[in-house]
Amino acid sequence: MRRVHEILEDINNDRYIFVQYNKGQIVGLNFHQGLGHIDYNYFTPSEAISKIYKALENEQECSEIAQRVLIDQSIKLYLDLFHN
C-alpha cells in the first residue's frame, strides 16, 4: 500500500494541511486555517506553496521530521509573501 494523500492536523497553528504524494515524495501542498471542520476544497494542491516547498526541499536532504519542518516553513513563507 502506498500513501497518496494525507491530512495533517496542526494544532499549534490552528490549521489542516493537505499533502499529496507521488512515489513517496511530496508533490503538492495546501492548507486552511481553523480546526474543527475539514474543507475539502483545499485538497487540491496550491501551486505557490508546492513550489516553495520544492525549492526548500532541493536545498537539503529530507527525513520525515525534516519534511514536516519544511512544510511549516513553506506555509509561513507563503503567508508572509502573499497575505501580509
N, C-alpha and C. Protein backbone atom coordinates (compact mmCIF):
# COMPACT_ATOMS: atom_id res chain seq x y z
N MET A 1 0.85 -1.18 0.00
CA MET A 1 0.00 0.00 0.00
C MET A 1 0.89 1.24 0.00
N ARG A 2 0.46 2.26 -0.71
CA ARG A 2 1.26 3.49 -0.75
C ARG A 2 0.40 4.69 -0.35
N ARG A 3 1.06 5.67 0.17
CA ARG A 3 0.39 6.90 0.61
C ARG A 3 0.28 7.85 -0.58
N VAL A 4 -0.95 8.33 -0.86
CA VAL A 4 -1.19 9.24 -1.97
C VAL A 4 -1.57 10.62 -1.45
N HIS A 5 -2.46 10.67 -0.45
CA HIS A 5 -2.88 11.92 0.17
C HIS A 5 -2.83 11.77 1.67
N GLU A 6 -2.62 12.87 2.34
CA GLU A 6 -2.59 12.87 3.80
C GLU A 6 -3.14 14.21 4.29
N ILE A 7 -3.88 14.17 5.37
CA ILE A 7 -4.35 15.39 6.02
C ILE A 7 -3.69 15.45 7.39
N LEU A 8 -2.93 16.52 7.62
CA LEU A 8 -2.26 16.73 8.89
C LEU A 8 -3.04 17.75 9.71
N GLU A 9 -3.25 17.46 10.98
CA GLU A 9 -3.89 18.40 11.89
C GLU A 9 -2.79 19.13 12.64
N ASP A 10 -2.66 20.41 12.42
CA ASP A 10 -1.62 21.23 13.04
C ASP A 10 -2.26 22.06 14.16
N ILE A 11 -2.30 21.50 15.34
CA ILE A 11 -2.96 22.14 16.48
C ILE A 11 -2.26 23.43 16.87
N ASN A 12 -0.94 23.45 16.82
CA ASN A 12 -0.19 24.64 17.23
C ASN A 12 -0.48 25.86 16.37
N ASN A 13 -0.77 25.64 15.09
CA ASN A 13 -1.04 26.74 14.17
C ASN A 13 -2.49 26.82 13.73
N ASP A 14 -3.36 26.01 14.35
CA ASP A 14 -4.80 26.03 14.09
C ASP A 14 -5.11 25.88 12.61
N ARG A 15 -4.59 24.78 12.02
CA ARG A 15 -4.84 24.58 10.59
C ARG A 15 -4.75 23.10 10.23
N TYR A 16 -5.40 22.78 9.12
CA TYR A 16 -5.24 21.47 8.49
C TYR A 16 -4.33 21.66 7.29
N ILE A 17 -3.44 20.68 7.09
CA ILE A 17 -2.50 20.71 5.98
C ILE A 17 -2.80 19.50 5.09
N PHE A 18 -2.93 19.76 3.81
CA PHE A 18 -3.21 18.71 2.84
C PHE A 18 -1.93 18.42 2.06
N VAL A 19 -1.54 17.14 2.07
CA VAL A 19 -0.28 16.73 1.43
C VAL A 19 -0.60 15.69 0.35
N GLN A 20 -0.03 15.90 -0.82
CA GLN A 20 -0.19 14.95 -1.93
C GLN A 20 1.18 14.34 -2.21
N TYR A 21 1.21 13.01 -2.40
CA TYR A 21 2.46 12.28 -2.63
C TYR A 21 2.45 11.61 -4.00
N ASN A 22 3.64 11.41 -4.52
CA ASN A 22 3.86 10.58 -5.70
C ASN A 22 5.13 9.80 -5.46
N LYS A 23 5.02 8.49 -5.41
CA LYS A 23 6.16 7.60 -5.15
C LYS A 23 6.89 7.99 -3.86
N GLY A 24 6.12 8.33 -2.83
CA GLY A 24 6.69 8.64 -1.52
C GLY A 24 7.22 10.05 -1.37
N GLN A 25 7.21 10.83 -2.43
CA GLN A 25 7.70 12.20 -2.39
C GLN A 25 6.53 13.18 -2.35
N ILE A 26 6.68 14.25 -1.60
CA ILE A 26 5.65 15.28 -1.55
C ILE A 26 5.66 16.04 -2.87
N VAL A 27 4.50 16.10 -3.52
CA VAL A 27 4.38 16.80 -4.80
C VAL A 27 3.36 17.93 -4.75
N GLY A 28 2.60 18.03 -3.66
CA GLY A 28 1.61 19.09 -3.57
C GLY A 28 1.23 19.38 -2.13
N LEU A 29 1.02 20.66 -1.85
CA LEU A 29 0.62 21.11 -0.50
C LEU A 29 -0.48 22.15 -0.60
N ASN A 30 -1.32 22.17 0.42
CA ASN A 30 -2.28 23.23 0.62
C ASN A 30 -2.69 23.19 2.09
N PHE A 31 -3.41 24.20 2.55
CA PHE A 31 -3.84 24.22 3.95
C PHE A 31 -5.04 25.14 4.08
N HIS A 32 -5.72 25.02 5.22
CA HIS A 32 -6.70 26.03 5.59
C HIS A 32 -6.67 26.23 7.09
N GLN A 33 -6.87 27.47 7.49
CA GLN A 33 -6.87 27.84 8.89
C GLN A 33 -8.16 27.41 9.54
N GLY A 34 -8.06 27.04 10.79
CA GLY A 34 -9.23 26.69 11.58
C GLY A 34 -9.43 25.19 11.67
N LEU A 35 -9.38 24.70 12.89
CA LEU A 35 -9.64 23.28 13.13
C LEU A 35 -11.13 23.11 13.45
N GLY A 36 -11.60 21.91 13.40
CA GLY A 36 -12.98 21.64 13.74
C GLY A 36 -13.76 21.10 12.56
N HIS A 37 -13.48 21.58 11.39
CA HIS A 37 -14.08 21.04 10.17
C HIS A 37 -13.01 21.02 9.09
N ILE A 38 -13.11 20.03 8.22
CA ILE A 38 -12.15 19.93 7.12
C ILE A 38 -12.85 20.40 5.86
N ASP A 39 -12.29 21.43 5.24
CA ASP A 39 -12.83 21.95 3.98
C ASP A 39 -12.06 21.29 2.84
N TYR A 40 -12.68 20.30 2.22
CA TYR A 40 -12.00 19.52 1.18
C TYR A 40 -11.75 20.32 -0.10
N ASN A 41 -12.25 21.54 -0.20
CA ASN A 41 -11.91 22.38 -1.35
C ASN A 41 -10.41 22.68 -1.38
N TYR A 42 -9.74 22.58 -0.23
CA TYR A 42 -8.31 22.84 -0.15
C TYR A 42 -7.48 21.59 -0.42
N PHE A 43 -8.14 20.49 -0.75
CA PHE A 43 -7.42 19.25 -1.03
C PHE A 43 -6.60 19.36 -2.31
N THR A 44 -7.02 20.23 -3.22
CA THR A 44 -6.25 20.48 -4.44
C THR A 44 -4.99 21.26 -4.05
N PRO A 45 -3.83 20.80 -4.47
CA PRO A 45 -2.59 21.49 -4.08
C PRO A 45 -2.53 22.94 -4.57
N SER A 46 -1.94 23.79 -3.75
CA SER A 46 -1.64 25.16 -4.13
C SER A 46 -0.32 25.15 -4.89
N GLU A 47 -0.34 25.68 -6.09
CA GLU A 47 0.87 25.70 -6.90
C GLU A 47 1.98 26.51 -6.21
N ALA A 48 1.61 27.64 -5.62
CA ALA A 48 2.61 28.50 -4.97
C ALA A 48 3.26 27.81 -3.76
N ILE A 49 2.45 27.24 -2.88
CA ILE A 49 3.01 26.57 -1.69
C ILE A 49 3.83 25.37 -2.11
N SER A 50 3.36 24.63 -3.09
CA SER A 50 4.08 23.44 -3.56
C SER A 50 5.44 23.83 -4.15
N LYS A 51 5.50 24.92 -4.90
CA LYS A 51 6.78 25.38 -5.48
C LYS A 51 7.74 25.85 -4.38
N ILE A 52 7.22 26.54 -3.38
CA ILE A 52 8.06 26.98 -2.26
C ILE A 52 8.64 25.76 -1.56
N TYR A 53 7.81 24.76 -1.30
CA TYR A 53 8.28 23.54 -0.64
C TYR A 53 9.38 22.87 -1.46
N LYS A 54 9.16 22.72 -2.76
CA LYS A 54 10.15 22.07 -3.62
C LYS A 54 11.47 22.83 -3.63
N ALA A 55 11.40 24.16 -3.64
CA ALA A 55 12.63 24.96 -3.61
C ALA A 55 13.39 24.74 -2.30
N LEU A 56 12.67 24.71 -1.18
CA LEU A 56 13.32 24.47 0.11
C LEU A 56 13.85 23.04 0.20
N GLU A 57 13.08 22.10 -0.32
CA GLU A 57 13.48 20.69 -0.27
C GLU A 57 14.75 20.44 -1.07
N ASN A 58 14.89 21.13 -2.19
CA ASN A 58 16.07 20.96 -3.04
C ASN A 58 17.35 21.43 -2.35
N GLU A 59 17.19 22.25 -1.32
CA GLU A 59 18.35 22.77 -0.59
C GLU A 59 18.92 21.77 0.41
N GLN A 60 18.15 20.73 0.77
CA GLN A 60 18.61 19.81 1.81
C GLN A 60 17.98 18.44 1.65
N GLU A 61 18.61 17.44 2.27
CA GLU A 61 18.03 16.11 2.31
C GLU A 61 16.93 16.09 3.35
N CYS A 62 15.89 15.30 3.11
CA CYS A 62 14.73 15.35 3.99
C CYS A 62 14.42 14.01 4.63
N SER A 63 14.47 13.97 5.95
CA SER A 63 13.88 12.88 6.69
C SER A 63 12.40 13.23 6.86
N GLU A 64 11.63 12.33 7.44
CA GLU A 64 10.21 12.62 7.64
C GLU A 64 10.01 13.81 8.59
N ILE A 65 10.86 13.93 9.61
CA ILE A 65 10.77 15.07 10.53
C ILE A 65 11.15 16.35 9.81
N ALA A 66 12.18 16.30 9.00
CA ALA A 66 12.60 17.48 8.23
C ALA A 66 11.52 17.89 7.24
N GLN A 67 10.81 16.92 6.66
CA GLN A 67 9.71 17.25 5.76
C GLN A 67 8.66 18.09 6.47
N ARG A 68 8.33 17.72 7.70
CA ARG A 68 7.30 18.46 8.44
C ARG A 68 7.76 19.89 8.72
N VAL A 69 9.03 20.07 9.03
CA VAL A 69 9.58 21.41 9.25
C VAL A 69 9.51 22.21 7.96
N LEU A 70 9.87 21.60 6.84
CA LEU A 70 9.82 22.29 5.55
C LEU A 70 8.38 22.65 5.16
N ILE A 71 7.43 21.78 5.47
CA ILE A 71 6.02 22.10 5.21
C ILE A 71 5.63 23.36 5.97
N ASP A 72 5.96 23.40 7.26
CA ASP A 72 5.64 24.58 8.07
C ASP A 72 6.34 25.84 7.55
N GLN A 73 7.61 25.71 7.17
CA GLN A 73 8.34 26.85 6.63
C GLN A 73 7.74 27.33 5.31
N SER A 74 7.29 26.40 4.48
CA SER A 74 6.68 26.75 3.19
C SER A 74 5.39 27.53 3.39
N ILE A 75 4.56 27.08 4.32
CA ILE A 75 3.30 27.78 4.59
C ILE A 75 3.57 29.15 5.17
N LYS A 76 4.53 29.24 6.09
CA LYS A 76 4.86 30.53 6.69
C LYS A 76 5.37 31.50 5.62
N LEU A 77 6.25 31.04 4.78
CA LEU A 77 6.79 31.89 3.71
C LEU A 77 5.69 32.32 2.75
N TYR A 78 4.82 31.40 2.39
CA TYR A 78 3.68 31.73 1.53
C TYR A 78 2.81 32.82 2.17
N LEU A 79 2.50 32.67 3.43
CA LEU A 79 1.68 33.69 4.13
C LEU A 79 2.40 35.03 4.17
N ASP A 80 3.71 35.00 4.46
CA ASP A 80 4.48 36.25 4.50
C ASP A 80 4.51 36.94 3.13
N LEU A 81 4.64 36.18 2.08
CA LEU A 81 4.75 36.76 0.73
C LEU A 81 3.42 37.22 0.15
N PHE A 82 2.36 36.46 0.41
CA PHE A 82 1.11 36.71 -0.31
C PHE A 82 -0.05 37.20 0.56
N HIS A 83 0.12 37.20 1.88
CA HIS A 83 -1.01 37.56 2.73
C HIS A 83 -0.65 38.57 3.81
N ASN A 84 0.41 39.28 3.63
CA ASN A 84 0.77 40.36 4.59
C ASN A 84 0.99 41.66 3.89
